[in-house]
Amino acid sequence: MSKKQFVESRLDPETATVDEVCPAGEPWVRLLTEKQVFRIVDLGGNQAVDTLFYNASHAFERYSATDTIRRQKKLYLTTGSKLYSNYGNVMLDIVADTCGRHDTIGGACAAESNTVRYGLEKFPMHSCRDNFLHALAHEPVCEHLGMSKRDLPSNINFFMNVPVSEAGGLEFADGMSAPFKYVEMRAEMDVIVLISNCPQLNNPCNAYNPTPIRLLIWDDPEDMSFD
């Protein structure tokens, strides 16, 4: 990991305006306003955190894996990465990262993909797509924008390791994170954050053991310098 990737934050958790824990396998939704700073902490290590971002006033503008990869010519996210929308706007900047690599192409687990990859008996297992759909249907911040399953684009998998083989295939490998590693982002517009704290039990993305994550938000901190 290069020095540029590994950047620690100077922000104190004691000063955060939001400090919550999302249980293993559950969804989490929050409105993040422009200039707020948002941190995801991998409490147990190697937990996959499937994440989507939407323009808070116009949900058709949302995180775009295609634009994010194409504009920066990189598959993986870390300090300095910008998260672009499908309108070509910067939604968030990654300003600190102690893990160093986050996946943009592995997508979210679903009943259908679990069945194809792991067997028919896996169809009823809980999935990230289930979490996303539940949040869209029941969270007021999503409901008032009229969001539904058609509003689920390709997501970011924070802390997840998905190497690309020489043949162009994807490999779901052991994670590169560890307990208390984190990634921190500054919002460049008002966004809705939609998370599925992945319940996956069939591949090593979370060491076959889903664990909780910690989520913190700071209101436009004055000291945005980092180690």
C-alpha atoms as a PDB file:
ATOM      1  CA  MET A   1       0.000   0.000   0.000  1.00  0.00           C
ATOM      2  CA  SER A   2       1.398   3.352  -0.972  1.00  0.00           C
ATOM      3  CA  LYS A   3       1.671   6.314   1.373  1.00  0.00           C
ATOM      4  CA  LYS A   4      -0.839   8.163  -0.791  1.00  0.00           C
ATOM      5  CA  GLN A   5      -3.436   5.451  -0.264  1.00  0.00           C
ATOM      6  CA  PHE A   6      -2.936   5.112   3.488  1.00  0.00           C
ATOM      7  CA  VAL A   7      -4.127   8.431   4.926  1.00  0.00           C
ATOM      8  CA  GLU A   8      -5.409   8.788   8.484  1.00  0.00           C
ATOM      9  CA  SER A   9      -8.022  11.341   9.484  1.00  0.00           C
ATOM     10  CA  ARG A  10      -7.511  13.985  12.149  1.00  0.00           C
ATOM     11  CA  LEU A  11     -11.233  14.066  12.944  1.00  0.00           C
ATOM     12  CA  ASP A  12     -12.179  13.061  16.474  1.00  0.00           C
ATOM     13  CA  PRO A  13     -15.097  10.607  16.823  1.00  0.00           C
ATOM     14  CA  GLU A  14     -16.088  12.476  19.979  1.00  0.00           C
ATOM     15  CA  THR A  15     -17.014  15.515  17.844  1.00  0.00           C
ATOM     16  CA  ALA A  16     -19.119  13.597  15.303  1.00  0.00           C
ATOM     17  CA  THR A  17     -22.762  14.644  15.048  1.00  0.00           C
ATOM     18  CA  VAL A  18     -23.783  11.111  14.045  1.00  0.00           C
ATOM     19  CA  ASP A  19     -22.205   7.987  15.557  1.00  0.00           C
ATOM     20  CA  GLU A  20     -24.172   4.802  14.910  1.00  0.00           C
ATOM     21  CA  VAL A  21     -23.594   1.078  14.503  1.00  0.00           C
ATOM     22  CA  CYS A  22     -25.257  -0.859  11.687  1.00  0.00           C
ATOM     23  CA  PRO A  23     -25.675  -4.535  12.663  1.00  0.00           C
ATOM     24  CA  ALA A  24     -24.318  -7.332  10.515  1.00  0.00           C
ATOM     25  CA  GLY A  25     -26.434  -7.981   7.444  1.00  0.00           C
ATOM     26  CA  GLU A  26     -28.701  -4.937   7.833  1.00  0.00           C
ATOM     27  CA  PRO A  27     -29.436  -1.813   5.717  1.00  0.00           C
ATOM     28  CA  TRP A  28     -28.672   1.789   6.747  1.00  0.00           C
ATOM     29  CA  VAL A  29     -29.878   5.041   5.158  1.00  0.00           C
ATOM     30  CA  ARG A  30     -28.941   8.646   5.910  1.00  0.00           C
ATOM     31  CA  LEU A  31     -29.080  12.096   4.320  1.00  0.00           C
ATOM     32  CA  LEU A  32     -25.581  13.546   4.014  1.00  0.00           C
ATOM     33  CA  THR A  33     -25.413  17.294   3.302  1.00  0.00           C
ATOM     34  CA  GLU A  34     -22.776  19.105   1.268  1.00  0.00           C
ATOM     35  CA  LYS A  35     -19.398  19.446   3.057  1.00  0.00           C
ATOM     36  CA  GLN A  36     -20.277  16.919   5.734  1.00  0.00           C
ATOM     37  CA  VAL A  37     -17.669  14.199   6.241  1.00  0.00           C
ATOM     38  CA  PHE A  38     -18.758  10.574   6.420  1.00  0.00           C
ATOM     39  CA  ARG A  39     -16.714   7.685   7.839  1.00  0.00           C
ATOM     40  CA  ILE A  40     -17.367   3.933   7.554  1.00  0.00           C
ATOM     41  CA  VAL A  41     -15.488   1.821  10.108  1.00  0.00           C
ATOM     42  CA  ASP A  42     -14.948  -1.902   9.543  1.00  0.00           C
ATOM     43  CA  LEU A  43     -15.333  -3.026  13.160  1.00  0.00           C
ATOM     44  CA  GLY A  44     -14.680  -6.748  12.702  1.00  0.00           C
ATOM     45  CA  GLY A  45     -12.423  -6.729   9.651  1.00  0.00           C
ATOM     46  CA  ASN A  46     -13.106  -7.858   6.065  1.00  0.00           C
ATOM     47  CA  GLN A  47     -16.753  -6.860   6.169  1.00  0.00           C
ATOM     48  CA  ALA A  48     -18.139  -5.932   2.734  1.00  0.00           C
ATOM     49  CA  VAL A  49     -20.129  -2.676   2.855  1.00  0.00           C
ATOM     50  CA  ASP A  50     -22.266  -2.357  -0.287  1.00  0.00           C
ATOM     51  CA  THR A  51     -22.992   1.345  -0.784  1.00  0.00           C
ATOM     52  CA  LEU A  52     -24.984   3.583  -3.125  1.00  0.00           C
ATOM     53  CA  PHE A  53     -25.234   7.384  -3.294  1.00  0.00           C
ATOM     54  CA  TYR A  54     -28.063   9.496  -4.747  1.00  0.00           C
ATOM     55  CA  ASN A  55     -28.575  13.209  -5.307  1.00  0.00           C
ATOM     56  CA  ALA A  56     -30.845  14.034  -2.379  1.00  0.00           C
ATOM     57  CA  SER A  57     -33.170  16.245  -4.428  1.00  0.00           C
ATOM     58  CA  HIS A  58     -33.129  14.326  -7.725  1.00  0.00           C
ATOM     59  CA  ALA A  59     -32.635  10.587  -7.270  1.00  0.00           C
ATOM     60  CA  PHE A  60     -32.178   9.935 -10.996  1.00  0.00           C
ATOM     61  CA  GLU A  61     -28.696  11.375 -10.478  1.00  0.00           C
ATOM     62  CA  ARG A  62     -26.784   8.691  -8.626  1.00  0.00           C
ATOM     63  CA  TYR A  63     -23.339   7.157  -8.176  1.00  0.00           C
ATOM     64  CA  SER A  64     -22.019   5.796 -11.449  1.00  0.00           C
ATOM     65  CA  ALA A  65     -19.372   3.086 -11.442  1.00  0.00           C
ATOM     66  CA  THR A  66     -18.864   3.677 -15.176  1.00  0.00           C
ATOM     67  CA  ASP A  67     -18.130   7.402 -14.832  1.00  0.00           C
ATOM     68  CA  THR A  68     -16.016   6.908 -11.700  1.00  0.00           C
ATOM     69  CA  ILE A  69     -13.818   4.269 -13.359  1.00  0.00           C
ATOM     70  CA  ARG A  70     -13.589   5.978 -16.759  1.00  0.00           C
ATOM     71  CA  ARG A  71     -12.703   9.446 -15.486  1.00  0.00           C
ATOM     72  CA  GLN A  72      -9.943   8.205 -13.168  1.00  0.00           C
ATOM     73  CA  LYS A  73      -8.843   5.151 -15.178  1.00  0.00           C
ATOM     74  CA  LYS A  74      -8.791   3.036 -12.019  1.00  0.00           C
ATOM     75  CA  LEU A  75     -10.901   0.079 -10.905  1.00  0.00           C
ATOM     76  CA  TYR A  76     -10.281   0.503  -7.196  1.00  0.00           C
ATOM     77  CA  LEU A  77     -11.025   3.383  -4.854  1.00  0.00           C
ATOM     78  CA  THR A  78      -8.814   4.892  -2.154  1.00  0.00           C
ATOM     79  CA  THR A  79      -7.636   8.280  -0.846  1.00  0.00           C
ATOM     80  CA  GLY A  80      -7.947  10.904  -3.575  1.00  0.00           C
ATOM     81  CA  SER A  81     -10.638   9.034  -5.494  1.00  0.00           C
ATOM     82  CA  LYS A  82     -13.683  11.014  -6.567  1.00  0.00           C
ATOM     83  CA  LEU A  83     -17.101   9.376  -6.748  1.00  0.00           C
ATOM     84  CA  TYR A  84     -18.865  10.588  -9.891  1.00  0.00           C
ATOM     85  CA  SER A  85     -22.564  10.583 -10.737  1.00  0.00           C
ATOM     86  CA  ASN A  86     -24.190   9.518 -13.992  1.00  0.00           C
ATOM     87  CA  TYR A  87     -24.462  13.263 -14.736  1.00  0.00           C
ATOM     88  CA  GLY A  88     -20.685  13.616 -14.531  1.00  0.00           C
ATOM     89  CA  ASN A  89     -20.705  15.514 -11.238  1.00  0.00           C
ATOM     90  CA  VAL A  90     -18.494  14.758  -8.246  1.00  0.00           C
ATOM     91  CA  MET A  91     -20.694  13.452  -5.433  1.00  0.00           C
ATOM     92  CA  LEU A  92     -18.023  12.713  -2.814  1.00  0.00           C
ATOM     93  CA  ASP A  93     -14.235  12.762  -2.383  1.00  0.00           C
ATOM     94  CA  ILE A  94     -12.393  10.078  -0.421  1.00  0.00           C
ATOM     95  CA  VAL A  95     -10.247  12.115   1.964  1.00  0.00           C
ATOM     96  CA  ALA A  96      -8.912   9.419   4.298  1.00  0.00           C
ATOM     97  CA  ASP A  97      -8.486   5.661   4.040  1.00  0.00           C
ATOM     98  CA  THR A  98      -6.687   3.134   6.228  1.00  0.00           C
ATOM     99  CA  CYS A  99      -7.680   0.110   4.144  1.00  0.00           C
ATOM    100  CA  GLY A 100      -6.359   1.286   0.774  1.00  0.00           C
ATOM    101  CA  ARG A 101      -8.536  -0.498  -1.762  1.00  0.00           C
ATOM    102  CA  HIS A 102     -12.287  -0.684  -2.360  1.00  0.00           C
ATOM    103  CA  ASP A 103     -14.158  -2.522  -5.119  1.00  0.00           C
ATOM    104  CA  THR A 104     -16.212  -0.851  -7.872  1.00  0.00           C
ATOM    105  CA  ILE A 105     -17.206  -3.813 -10.042  1.00  0.00           C
ATOM    106  CA  GLY A 106     -18.254  -6.807  -7.889  1.00  0.00           C
ATOM    107  CA  GLY A 107     -21.840  -5.622  -7.496  1.00  0.00           C
ATOM    108  CA  ALA A 108     -24.326  -6.658  -4.832  1.00  0.00           C
ATOM    109  CA  CYS A 109     -25.291 -10.201  -3.907  1.00  0.00           C
ATOM    110  CA  ALA A 110     -28.865 -11.187  -4.772  1.00  0.00           C
ATOM    111  CA  ALA A 111     -31.028 -14.288  -4.532  1.00  0.00           C
ATOM    112  CA  GLU A 112     -30.502 -14.905  -8.244  1.00  0.00           C
ATOM    113  CA  SER A 113     -26.717 -14.543  -8.217  1.00  0.00           C
ATOM    114  CA  ASN A 114     -26.414 -16.628  -5.046  1.00  0.00           C
ATOM    115  CA  THR A 115     -28.382 -19.389  -6.767  1.00  0.00           C
ATOM    116  CA  VAL A 116     -26.261 -19.291  -9.914  1.00  0.00           C
ATOM    117  CA  ARG A 117     -22.949 -19.198  -8.050  1.00  0.00           C
ATOM    118  CA  TYR A 118     -23.604 -21.410  -5.055  1.00  0.00           C
ATOM    119  CA  GLY A 119     -26.616 -23.688  -5.675  1.00  0.00           C
ATOM    120  CA  LEU A 120     -30.421 -23.746  -5.681  1.00  0.00           C
ATOM    121  CA  GLU A 121     -30.598 -24.151  -1.912  1.00  0.00           C
ATOM    122  CA  LYS A 122     -29.078 -20.660  -1.527  1.00  0.00           C
ATOM    123  CA  PHE A 123     -32.041 -18.865  -3.129  1.00  0.00           C
ATOM    124  CA  PRO A 124     -33.836 -17.984   0.161  1.00  0.00           C
ATOM    125  CA  MET A 125     -30.706 -16.544   1.786  1.00  0.00           C
ATOM    126  CA  HIS A 126     -30.733 -12.848   2.713  1.00  0.00           C
ATOM    127  CA  SER A 127     -28.869 -10.601   0.261  1.00  0.00           C
ATOM    128  CA  CYS A 128     -27.729  -7.020  -0.314  1.00  0.00           C
ATOM    129  CA  ARG A 129     -30.362  -6.543  -2.988  1.00  0.00           C
ATOM    130  CA  ASP A 130     -32.993  -7.498  -0.401  1.00  0.00           C
ATOM    131  CA  ASN A 131     -31.572  -4.856   1.947  1.00  0.00           C
ATOM    132  CA  PHE A 132     -31.571  -2.188  -0.752  1.00  0.00           C
ATOM    133  CA  LEU A 133     -35.173  -2.960  -1.768  1.00  0.00           C
ATOM    134  CA  HIS A 134     -36.356  -2.958   1.847  1.00  0.00           C
ATOM    135  CA  ALA A 135     -34.767   0.451   2.456  1.00  0.00           C
ATOM    136  CA  LEU A 136     -36.220   1.933  -0.738  1.00  0.00           C
ATOM    137  CA  ALA A 137     -39.695   0.758   0.289  1.00  0.00           C
ATOM    138  CA  HIS A 138     -39.630   1.696   3.963  1.00  0.00           C
ATOM    139  CA  GLU A 139     -37.187   4.566   4.581  1.00  0.00           C
ATOM    140  CA  PRO A 140     -38.945   7.972   4.371  1.00  0.00           C
ATOM    141  CA  VAL A 141     -35.885   9.666   2.849  1.00  0.00           C
ATOM    142  CA  CYS A 142     -36.175   7.234  -0.106  1.00  0.00           C
ATOM    143  CA  GLU A 143     -39.965   7.053  -0.255  1.00  0.00           C
ATOM    144  CA  HIS A 144     -40.485  10.771  -0.793  1.00  0.00           C
ATOM    145  CA  LEU A 145     -38.321  10.613  -3.926  1.00  0.00           C
ATOM    146  CA  GLY A 146     -40.398   7.752  -5.337  1.00  0.00           C
ATOM    147  CA  MET A 147     -37.464   5.355  -5.497  1.00  0.00           C
ATOM    148  CA  SER A 148     -37.923   1.686  -6.382  1.00  0.00           C
ATOM    149  CA  LYS A 149     -35.933  -1.306  -7.653  1.00  0.00           C
ATOM    150  CA  ARG A 150     -35.330   0.461 -10.955  1.00  0.00           C
ATOM    151  CA  ASP A 151     -33.144   2.884  -8.975  1.00  0.00           C
ATOM    152  CA  LEU A 152     -30.483   0.317  -8.035  1.00  0.00           C
ATOM    153  CA  PRO A 153     -27.331   0.898 -10.135  1.00  0.00           C
ATOM    154  CA  SER A 154     -23.978  -0.828  -9.650  1.00  0.00           C
ATOM    155  CA  ASN A 155     -22.705  -0.161  -6.147  1.00  0.00           C
ATOM    156  CA  ILE A 156     -19.389   0.357  -4.363  1.00  0.00           C
ATOM    157  CA  ASN A 157     -18.174  -2.482  -2.142  1.00  0.00           C
ATOM    158  CA  PHE A 158     -16.138  -0.762   0.542  1.00  0.00           C
ATOM    159  CA  PHE A 159     -13.427  -3.025   2.072  1.00  0.00           C
ATOM    160  CA  MET A 160     -14.164  -5.797  -0.458  1.00  0.00           C
ATOM    161  CA  ASN A 161     -11.387  -7.410  -2.528  1.00  0.00           C
ATOM    162  CA  VAL A 162     -12.394  -8.382  -6.091  1.00  0.00           C
ATOM    163  CA  PRO A 163      -9.253  -8.938  -8.195  1.00  0.00           C
ATOM    164  CA  VAL A 164      -9.550  -9.049 -11.980  1.00  0.00           C
ATOM    165  CA  SER A 165      -7.787 -12.019 -13.562  1.00  0.00           C
ATOM    166  CA  GLU A 166      -5.586 -11.790 -16.672  1.00  0.00           C
ATOM    167  CA  ALA A 167      -8.475 -13.317 -18.605  1.00  0.00           C
ATOM    168  CA  GLY A 168     -10.782 -10.529 -17.466  1.00  0.00           C
ATOM    169  CA  GLY A 169     -12.763 -12.543 -14.930  1.00  0.00           C
ATOM    170  CA  LEU A 170     -13.614 -11.535 -11.380  1.00  0.00           C
ATOM    171  CA  GLU A 171     -12.369 -13.330  -8.281  1.00  0.00           C
ATOM    172  CA  PHE A 172     -14.033 -12.931  -4.888  1.00  0.00           C
ATOM    173  CA  ALA A 173     -10.970 -13.128  -2.666  1.00  0.00           C
ATOM    174  CA  ASP A 174     -10.167 -12.755   1.015  1.00  0.00           C
ATOM    175  CA  GLY A 175     -10.575  -9.183   2.159  1.00  0.00           C
ATOM    176  CA  MET A 176      -7.679  -6.757   2.615  1.00  0.00           C
ATOM    177  CA  SER A 177      -9.172  -4.946   5.581  1.00  0.00           C
ATOM    178  CA  ALA A 178      -8.813  -5.542   9.339  1.00  0.00           C
ATOM    179  CA  PRO A 179     -10.653  -4.527  12.521  1.00  0.00           C
ATOM    180  CA  PHE A 180     -11.140  -0.744  12.834  1.00  0.00           C
ATOM    181  CA  LYS A 181      -9.923   0.105   9.331  1.00  0.00           C
ATOM    182  CA  TYR A 182     -11.982   2.941   7.872  1.00  0.00           C
ATOM    183  CA  VAL A 183     -12.712   5.021   4.805  1.00  0.00           C
ATOM    184  CA  GLU A 184     -13.780   8.668   5.007  1.00  0.00           C
ATOM    185  CA  MET A 185     -15.523  10.837   2.415  1.00  0.00           C
ATOM    186  CA  ARG A 186     -16.464  14.502   2.050  1.00  0.00           C
ATOM    187  CA  ALA A 187     -19.800  15.216   0.346  1.00  0.00           C
ATOM    188  CA  GLU A 188     -19.689  17.622  -2.607  1.00  0.00           C
ATOM    189  CA  MET A 189     -23.497  17.775  -2.826  1.00  0.00           C
ATOM    190  CA  ASP A 190     -26.439  16.715  -0.675  1.00  0.00           C
ATOM    191  CA  VAL A 191     -26.637  12.942  -1.043  1.00  0.00           C
ATOM    192  CA  ILE A 192     -28.649  10.031   0.260  1.00  0.00           C
ATOM    193  CA  VAL A 193     -26.379   7.249   1.491  1.00  0.00           C
ATOM    194  CA  LEU A 194     -27.837   3.749   1.092  1.00  0.00           C
ATOM    195  CA  ILE A 195     -25.856   0.888   2.653  1.00  0.00           C
ATOM    196  CA  SER A 196     -26.296  -2.853   2.825  1.00  0.00           C
ATOM    197  CA  ASN A 197     -23.940  -4.228   5.456  1.00  0.00           C
ATOM    198  CA  CYS A 198     -23.478  -7.414   3.466  1.00  0.00           C
ATOM    199  CA  PRO A 199     -24.988 -10.650   4.869  1.00  0.00           C
ATOM    200  CA  GLN A 200     -23.016 -12.829   2.420  1.00  0.00           C
ATOM    201  CA  LEU A 201     -22.073 -16.257   3.826  1.00  0.00           C
ATOM    202  CA  ASN A 202     -21.005 -17.975   0.610  1.00  0.00           C
ATOM    203  CA  ASN A 203     -17.756 -16.228  -0.382  1.00  0.00           C
ATOM    204  CA  PRO A 204     -14.802 -14.838   1.556  1.00  0.00           C
ATOM    205  CA  CYS A 205     -15.692 -11.157   1.060  1.00  0.00           C
ATOM    206  CA  ASN A 206     -16.390 -10.916   4.800  1.00  0.00           C
ATOM    207  CA  ALA A 207     -14.548 -14.045   5.980  1.00  0.00           C
ATOM    208  CA  TYR A 208     -17.880 -15.955   5.982  1.00  0.00           C
ATOM    209  CA  ASN A 209     -18.791 -13.988   9.109  1.00  0.00           C
ATOM    210  CA  PRO A 210     -20.815 -10.775   8.677  1.00  0.00           C
ATOM    211  CA  THR A 211     -19.975  -8.192  11.347  1.00  0.00           C
ATOM    212  CA  PRO A 212     -21.276  -4.724  12.373  1.00  0.00           C
ATOM    213  CA  ILE A 213     -19.944  -1.448  11.016  1.00  0.00           C
ATOM    214  CA  ARG A 214     -19.682   1.987  12.639  1.00  0.00           C
ATOM    215  CA  LEU A 215     -20.911   5.078  10.799  1.00  0.00           C
ATOM    216  CA  LEU A 216     -19.913   8.639  11.729  1.00  0.00           C
ATOM    217  CA  ILE A 217     -20.740  12.060  10.291  1.00  0.00           C
ATOM    218  CA  TRP A 218     -19.122  15.445  11.002  1.00  0.00           C
ATOM    219  CA  ASP A 219     -20.720  18.787  10.098  1.00  0.00           C
ATOM    220  CA  ASP A 220     -18.388  20.674   7.745  1.00  0.00           C
ATOM    221  CA  PRO A 221     -15.298  20.342   9.968  1.00  0.00           C
ATOM    222  CA  GLU A 222     -12.986  23.343   9.972  1.00  0.00           C
ATOM    223  CA  ASP A 223      -9.784  21.271  10.204  1.00  0.00           C
ATOM    224  CA  MET A 224      -9.750  19.078   7.115  1.00  0.00           C
ATOM    225  CA  SER A 225      -6.014  18.316   7.176  1.00  0.00           C
ATOM    226  CA  PHE A 226      -4.871  14.713   7.220  1.00  0.00           C
ATOM    227  CA  ASP A 227      -1.722  12.728   8.005  1.00  0.00           C
END
